[in-house]
């Protein structure tokens, strides 16, 4: 099974980049990881690196996959973060989001796991097929049918390092089709695009490199204005944090991995030029 990828990770206007990405494409299986350290508490970048490194160090691309081994990779990452918390008091509250994709190349199977609000999108035949469900207060309120107006979208009720008793969320096994496309990304990336825009941009390109580059251009041209503490924060926000909107661009770290299985360009032809307006260069003069 042919797998083609493209990755990006940028600091935005933050003082540091707390995102971590990584991948292993072995002979029999492949693993892709995106982590976003939780801001507002010390050690977010440390937690993200521990989670990424622990999964990749334990992953064996020469072996087939199963659901139990995937759980072990993710719970191992959480345990490694918790162990570091106990070793260093200054890092006792550190945490990170996680989204990870695992592909068995011989059997054309996919699994994924996530914690927090970093997301995985799956596009099949060029259209959105599945997406992870955020572990956030806003998502809980949406699911319950309540208004989310005025709710801080960055409040997480679970991420790695924040709750030893709770586990990440895991997908069922998915039989892959030729042309399936995955996007793993942090909230700094997906906050800037609607699901329709992600589809539209996919219909305009012939490779994952082109897709990431197209979305980056749109992201940079129309980056949203965030709140002053616009990265993830723990369930209890800092009472001293300034939550007011600011006219200055305060742009979060953003990271993404695009994973193409087989030949997506055969199934993702652009179907509507007017719909793709955001991604077309503006006229000069």
Protein backbone atom coordinates (compact mmCIF):
# COMPACT_ATOMS: atom_id res chain seq x y z
CA UNK A 1 0.00 0.00 0.00
CA UNK A 2 1.41 3.36 -1.05
CA UNK A 3 1.37 6.08 1.65
CA UNK A 4 2.30 9.69 0.88
CA UNK A 5 2.50 12.38 3.56
CA UNK A 6 3.15 16.08 4.14
CA UNK A 7 3.66 17.83 7.46
CA UNK A 8 3.75 21.36 8.80
CA UNK A 9 4.32 22.92 12.22
CA UNK A 10 4.55 26.65 12.92
CA UNK A 11 4.94 28.80 15.99
CA UNK A 12 2.42 31.42 14.93
CA UNK A 13 2.88 34.53 17.09
CA UNK A 14 3.46 32.55 20.30
CA UNK A 15 6.73 32.78 22.21
CA UNK A 16 7.29 29.04 21.73
CA UNK A 17 5.90 26.18 19.65
CA UNK A 18 4.41 23.57 21.98
CA UNK A 19 3.30 21.32 19.10
CA UNK A 20 5.07 18.07 18.25
CA UNK A 21 4.58 15.91 15.17
CA UNK A 22 6.16 12.66 14.09
CA UNK A 23 5.72 9.59 11.92
CA UNK A 24 7.11 6.15 11.20
CA UNK A 25 6.30 4.38 7.93
CA UNK A 26 7.48 0.82 8.30
CA UNK A 27 7.29 -2.13 5.93
CA UNK A 28 4.14 -3.58 7.51
CA UNK A 29 2.59 -0.68 9.44
CA UNK A 30 2.74 3.08 9.90
CA UNK A 31 2.19 5.53 12.76
CA UNK A 32 1.48 9.28 12.73
CA UNK A 33 1.33 11.50 15.82
CA UNK A 34 0.37 15.14 16.49
CA UNK A 35 0.51 16.60 20.02
CA UNK A 36 -0.27 20.09 21.34
CA UNK A 37 1.06 21.00 24.78
CA UNK A 38 -1.52 22.67 27.03
CA UNK A 39 -0.77 26.35 27.50
CA UNK A 40 -1.23 28.26 30.74
CA UNK A 41 0.46 25.55 32.79
CA UNK A 42 4.23 24.88 32.89
CA UNK A 43 5.62 22.09 30.76
CA UNK A 44 3.16 21.80 27.90
CA UNK A 45 5.96 21.46 25.38
CA UNK A 46 7.61 18.81 27.59
CA UNK A 47 4.39 16.76 27.81
CA UNK A 48 3.88 16.96 24.05
CA UNK A 49 7.43 15.76 23.36
CA UNK A 50 7.17 12.92 25.89
CA UNK A 51 3.90 11.71 24.35
CA UNK A 52 5.23 11.89 20.78
CA UNK A 53 8.55 10.25 21.60
CA UNK A 54 7.06 7.49 23.75
CA UNK A 55 4.66 6.36 21.04
CA UNK A 56 7.23 6.47 18.25
CA UNK A 57 9.91 4.75 20.32
CA UNK A 58 7.59 1.84 21.13
CA UNK A 59 6.02 1.53 17.69
CA UNK A 60 7.34 -1.27 15.45
CA UNK A 61 6.63 -0.74 11.78
CA UNK A 62 7.75 -4.27 10.97
CA UNK A 63 4.78 -5.77 12.86
CA UNK A 64 1.06 -5.91 12.14
CA UNK A 65 -1.31 -3.80 14.24
CA UNK A 66 -4.08 -4.66 16.65
CA UNK A 67 -6.35 -2.63 18.89
CA UNK A 68 -4.64 -3.75 22.09
CA UNK A 69 -1.18 -2.65 20.98
CA UNK A 70 -2.55 0.78 20.04
CA UNK A 71 -4.04 1.21 23.51
CA UNK A 72 -0.67 0.25 24.98
CA UNK A 73 1.10 2.91 22.90
CA UNK A 74 -1.26 5.65 24.11
CA UNK A 75 -1.54 4.55 27.75
CA UNK A 76 2.25 4.24 27.78
CA UNK A 77 2.54 7.86 26.66
CA UNK A 78 0.18 8.98 29.42
CA UNK A 79 2.11 6.94 32.00
CA UNK A 80 5.40 8.49 30.86
CA UNK A 81 3.97 11.99 31.34
CA UNK A 82 2.63 11.10 34.79
CA UNK A 83 6.01 9.66 35.79
CA UNK A 84 7.77 12.89 34.78
CA UNK A 85 5.19 14.89 36.73
CA UNK A 86 6.08 12.98 39.86
CA UNK A 87 9.79 13.55 39.28
CA UNK A 88 9.59 17.34 38.84
CA UNK A 89 7.23 19.43 40.95
CA UNK A 90 7.36 22.29 38.44
CA UNK A 91 5.83 19.98 35.80
CA UNK A 92 3.17 18.45 38.05
CA UNK A 93 0.27 19.86 36.03
CA UNK A 94 1.64 19.60 32.51
CA UNK A 95 -0.48 18.00 29.83
CA UNK A 96 -0.90 17.61 26.09
CA UNK A 97 -3.49 16.79 23.50
CA UNK A 98 -2.86 13.85 21.19
CA UNK A 99 -4.17 12.56 17.91
CA UNK A 100 -2.58 9.46 16.42
CA UNK A 101 -3.21 7.35 13.33
CA UNK A 102 -2.06 3.76 12.83
CA UNK A 103 -2.19 1.95 9.47
CA UNK A 104 -1.63 -1.74 8.78
CA UNK A 105 -0.18 -1.68 5.28
CA UNK A 106 -0.56 -5.38 4.49
CA UNK A 107 -4.22 -5.64 5.49
CA UNK A 108 -5.24 -2.05 4.56
CA UNK A 109 -6.62 -1.29 8.02
CA UNK A 110 -6.62 1.95 10.00
CA UNK A 111 -7.10 2.78 13.68
CA UNK A 112 -6.82 6.07 15.50
CA UNK A 113 -6.79 7.46 19.03
CA UNK A 114 -7.12 10.95 20.45
CA UNK A 115 -7.14 12.95 23.68
CA UNK A 116 -8.15 16.60 23.93
CA UNK A 117 -9.06 18.74 20.92
CA UNK A 118 -6.44 17.85 18.35
CA UNK A 119 -8.41 16.21 15.54
CA UNK A 120 -8.32 13.54 12.88
CA UNK A 121 -10.38 14.01 9.72
CA UNK A 122 -10.96 11.21 7.21
CA UNK A 123 -11.94 12.06 3.64
CA UNK A 124 -13.24 9.28 1.42
CA UNK A 125 -13.76 9.83 -2.31
CA UNK A 126 -12.92 13.47 -1.63
CA UNK A 127 -15.60 14.11 0.98
CA UNK A 128 -15.56 14.19 4.78
CA UNK A 129 -16.24 10.70 6.07
CA UNK A 130 -15.36 10.84 9.77
CA UNK A 131 -13.90 13.15 12.41
CA UNK A 132 -12.90 12.72 16.04
CA UNK A 133 -15.00 14.23 18.84
CA UNK A 134 -13.19 16.82 20.98
CA UNK A 135 -12.74 16.28 24.71
CA UNK A 136 -13.80 19.86 25.41
CA UNK A 137 -16.48 21.67 27.38
CA UNK A 138 -17.83 23.23 24.18
CA UNK A 139 -18.25 19.80 22.58
CA UNK A 140 -20.01 18.46 25.67
CA UNK A 141 -22.45 21.38 25.61
CA UNK A 142 -23.09 20.94 21.88
CA UNK A 143 -23.77 17.24 22.39
CA UNK A 144 -26.24 18.10 25.16
CA UNK A 145 -28.04 20.63 22.98
CA UNK A 146 -26.96 23.74 24.90
CA UNK A 147 -25.79 27.04 23.48
CA UNK A 148 -22.01 27.48 23.49
CA UNK A 149 -22.06 31.25 23.04
CA UNK A 150 -19.51 32.89 25.29
CA UNK A 151 -17.89 29.58 26.30
CA UNK A 152 -14.11 29.38 26.07
CA UNK A 153 -13.53 26.86 23.29
CA UNK A 154 -10.16 25.87 24.74
CA UNK A 155 -11.44 24.35 27.99
CA UNK A 156 -10.57 20.65 27.94
CA UNK A 157 -12.00 18.02 30.26
CA UNK A 158 -9.38 15.46 29.23
CA UNK A 159 -5.88 15.38 27.81
CA UNK A 160 -2.82 13.25 28.47
CA UNK A 161 -1.34 14.07 31.86
CA UNK A 162 -4.52 15.61 33.28
CA UNK A 163 -6.36 12.48 34.40
CA UNK A 164 -4.68 9.20 35.26
CA UNK A 165 -7.94 7.28 35.55
CA UNK A 166 -9.48 8.28 32.21
CA UNK A 167 -8.44 6.78 28.88
CA UNK A 168 -8.19 8.29 25.42
CA UNK A 169 -10.86 7.68 22.78
CA UNK A 170 -10.25 4.96 20.20
CA UNK A 171 -11.79 4.28 16.80
CA UNK A 172 -13.12 1.01 15.53
CA UNK A 173 -10.94 -0.66 12.93
CA UNK A 174 -11.53 0.80 9.45
CA UNK A 175 -11.03 -1.04 6.16
CA UNK A 176 -9.17 1.40 3.96
CA UNK A 177 -10.09 2.29 0.39
CA UNK A 178 -7.70 3.44 -2.29
CA UNK A 179 -7.77 7.22 -2.22
CA UNK A 180 -8.54 7.70 1.48
CA UNK A 181 -7.07 10.89 2.94
CA UNK A 182 -6.40 11.65 6.61
CA UNK A 183 -5.68 15.00 8.22
CA UNK A 184 -4.28 15.08 11.77
CA UNK A 185 -4.07 18.60 13.19
CA UNK A 186 -4.04 20.81 16.27
CA UNK A 187 -6.80 23.27 17.12
CA UNK A 188 -4.61 26.12 15.91
CA UNK A 189 -5.05 24.63 12.44
CA UNK A 190 -8.63 23.36 12.34
CA UNK A 191 -10.12 26.46 14.00
CA UNK A 192 -9.39 28.33 10.76
CA UNK A 193 -11.31 26.03 8.40
CA UNK A 194 -14.85 24.77 8.08
CA UNK A 195 -15.31 21.14 7.08
CA UNK A 196 -16.60 22.34 3.71
CA UNK A 197 -13.42 24.36 3.16
CA UNK A 198 -11.25 21.35 3.96
CA UNK A 199 -13.14 19.39 1.32
CA UNK A 200 -12.90 22.22 -1.20
CA UNK A 201 -9.17 22.59 -0.78
CA UNK A 202 -8.67 18.84 -1.17
CA UNK A 203 -10.49 18.97 -4.51
CA UNK A 204 -7.95 21.46 -5.85
CA UNK A 205 -4.70 19.51 -5.43
CA UNK A 206 -2.83 16.44 -6.60
CA UNK A 207 -0.56 15.70 -3.63
CA UNK A 208 -0.43 16.10 0.16
CA UNK A 209 2.34 18.71 -0.22
CA UNK A 210 0.08 20.80 -2.44
CA UNK A 211 -2.84 20.39 -0.03
CA UNK A 212 -0.88 21.51 3.04
CA UNK A 213 0.66 24.41 1.12
CA UNK A 214 -2.76 25.55 -0.14
CA UNK A 215 -4.28 25.49 3.35
CA UNK A 216 -1.25 27.28 4.81
CA UNK A 217 -1.62 30.11 2.33
CA UNK A 218 -5.30 30.49 3.20
CA UNK A 219 -4.50 30.23 6.91
CA UNK A 220 -1.87 32.97 6.75
CA UNK A 221 -4.05 35.25 4.63
CA UNK A 222 -7.12 34.94 6.82
CA UNK A 223 -5.75 33.95 10.24
CA UNK A 224 -8.43 34.59 12.85
CA UNK A 225 -8.20 36.96 15.79
CA UNK A 226 -7.94 34.86 18.96
CA UNK A 227 -8.52 35.75 22.57
CA UNK A 228 -5.42 36.80 24.42
CA UNK A 229 -5.12 33.32 25.95
CA UNK A 230 -6.20 31.57 22.78
CA UNK A 231 -4.43 28.24 23.20
CA UNK A 232 -5.72 25.24 25.15
CA UNK A 233 -6.11 25.73 28.85
CA UNK A 234 -6.92 23.44 31.75
CA UNK A 235 -10.51 22.97 32.94
CA UNK A 236 -9.97 25.68 35.60
CA UNK A 237 -8.86 28.81 33.74
CA UNK A 238 -6.26 31.21 35.12
CA UNK A 239 -8.27 33.92 36.94
CA UNK A 240 -5.56 36.43 36.07
CA UNK A 241 -5.64 35.68 32.35
CA UNK A 242 -6.97 38.37 30.04
CA UNK A 243 -9.93 36.82 28.20
CA UNK A 244 -10.87 39.93 26.26
CA UNK A 245 -10.68 39.92 22.50
CA UNK A 246 -7.83 41.92 21.09
CA UNK A 247 -7.46 43.69 17.79
CA UNK A 248 -3.91 42.38 17.51
CA UNK A 249 -3.32 39.05 15.84
CA UNK A 250 -2.56 36.49 18.54
CA UNK A 251 -2.07 33.39 16.46
CA UNK A 252 -1.72 29.96 18.02
CA UNK A 253 0.84 27.32 17.12
CA UNK A 254 -0.52 25.21 14.28
CA UNK A 255 0.52 21.78 13.10
CA UNK A 256 -0.83 19.17 10.71
CA UNK A 257 0.01 15.91 8.98
CA UNK A 258 -1.72 14.97 5.72
CA UNK A 259 -1.70 11.23 4.99
CA UNK A 260 -2.74 9.96 1.53
CA UNK A 261 -3.43 6.29 0.94
CA UNK A 262 -3.06 5.05 -2.62
CA UNK A 263 -4.05 7.61 -5.25
CA UNK A 264 -6.43 10.24 -3.83
CA UNK A 265 -5.98 12.52 -6.81
CA UNK A 266 -8.12 10.11 -8.84
CA UNK A 267 -11.12 10.77 -6.57
CA UNK A 268 -10.68 14.37 -5.40
CA UNK A 269 -11.24 16.42 -8.54
CA UNK A 270 -12.42 19.97 -7.95
CA UNK A 271 -16.21 20.07 -8.37
CA UNK A 272 -17.02 23.73 -7.82
CA UNK A 273 -14.68 26.60 -8.66
CA UNK A 274 -16.85 29.28 -6.96
CA UNK A 275 -16.82 27.29 -3.70
CA UNK A 276 -13.03 27.34 -3.74
CA UNK A 277 -12.80 31.14 -3.70
CA UNK A 278 -10.98 31.35 -0.38
CA UNK A 279 -8.11 29.34 -1.78
CA UNK A 280 -7.73 31.25 -5.06
CA UNK A 281 -5.24 34.15 -5.23
CA UNK A 282 -6.90 37.56 -5.27
CA UNK A 283 -6.59 39.70 -8.40
CA UNK A 284 -3.90 42.36 -8.45
CA UNK A 285 -4.70 46.01 -8.94
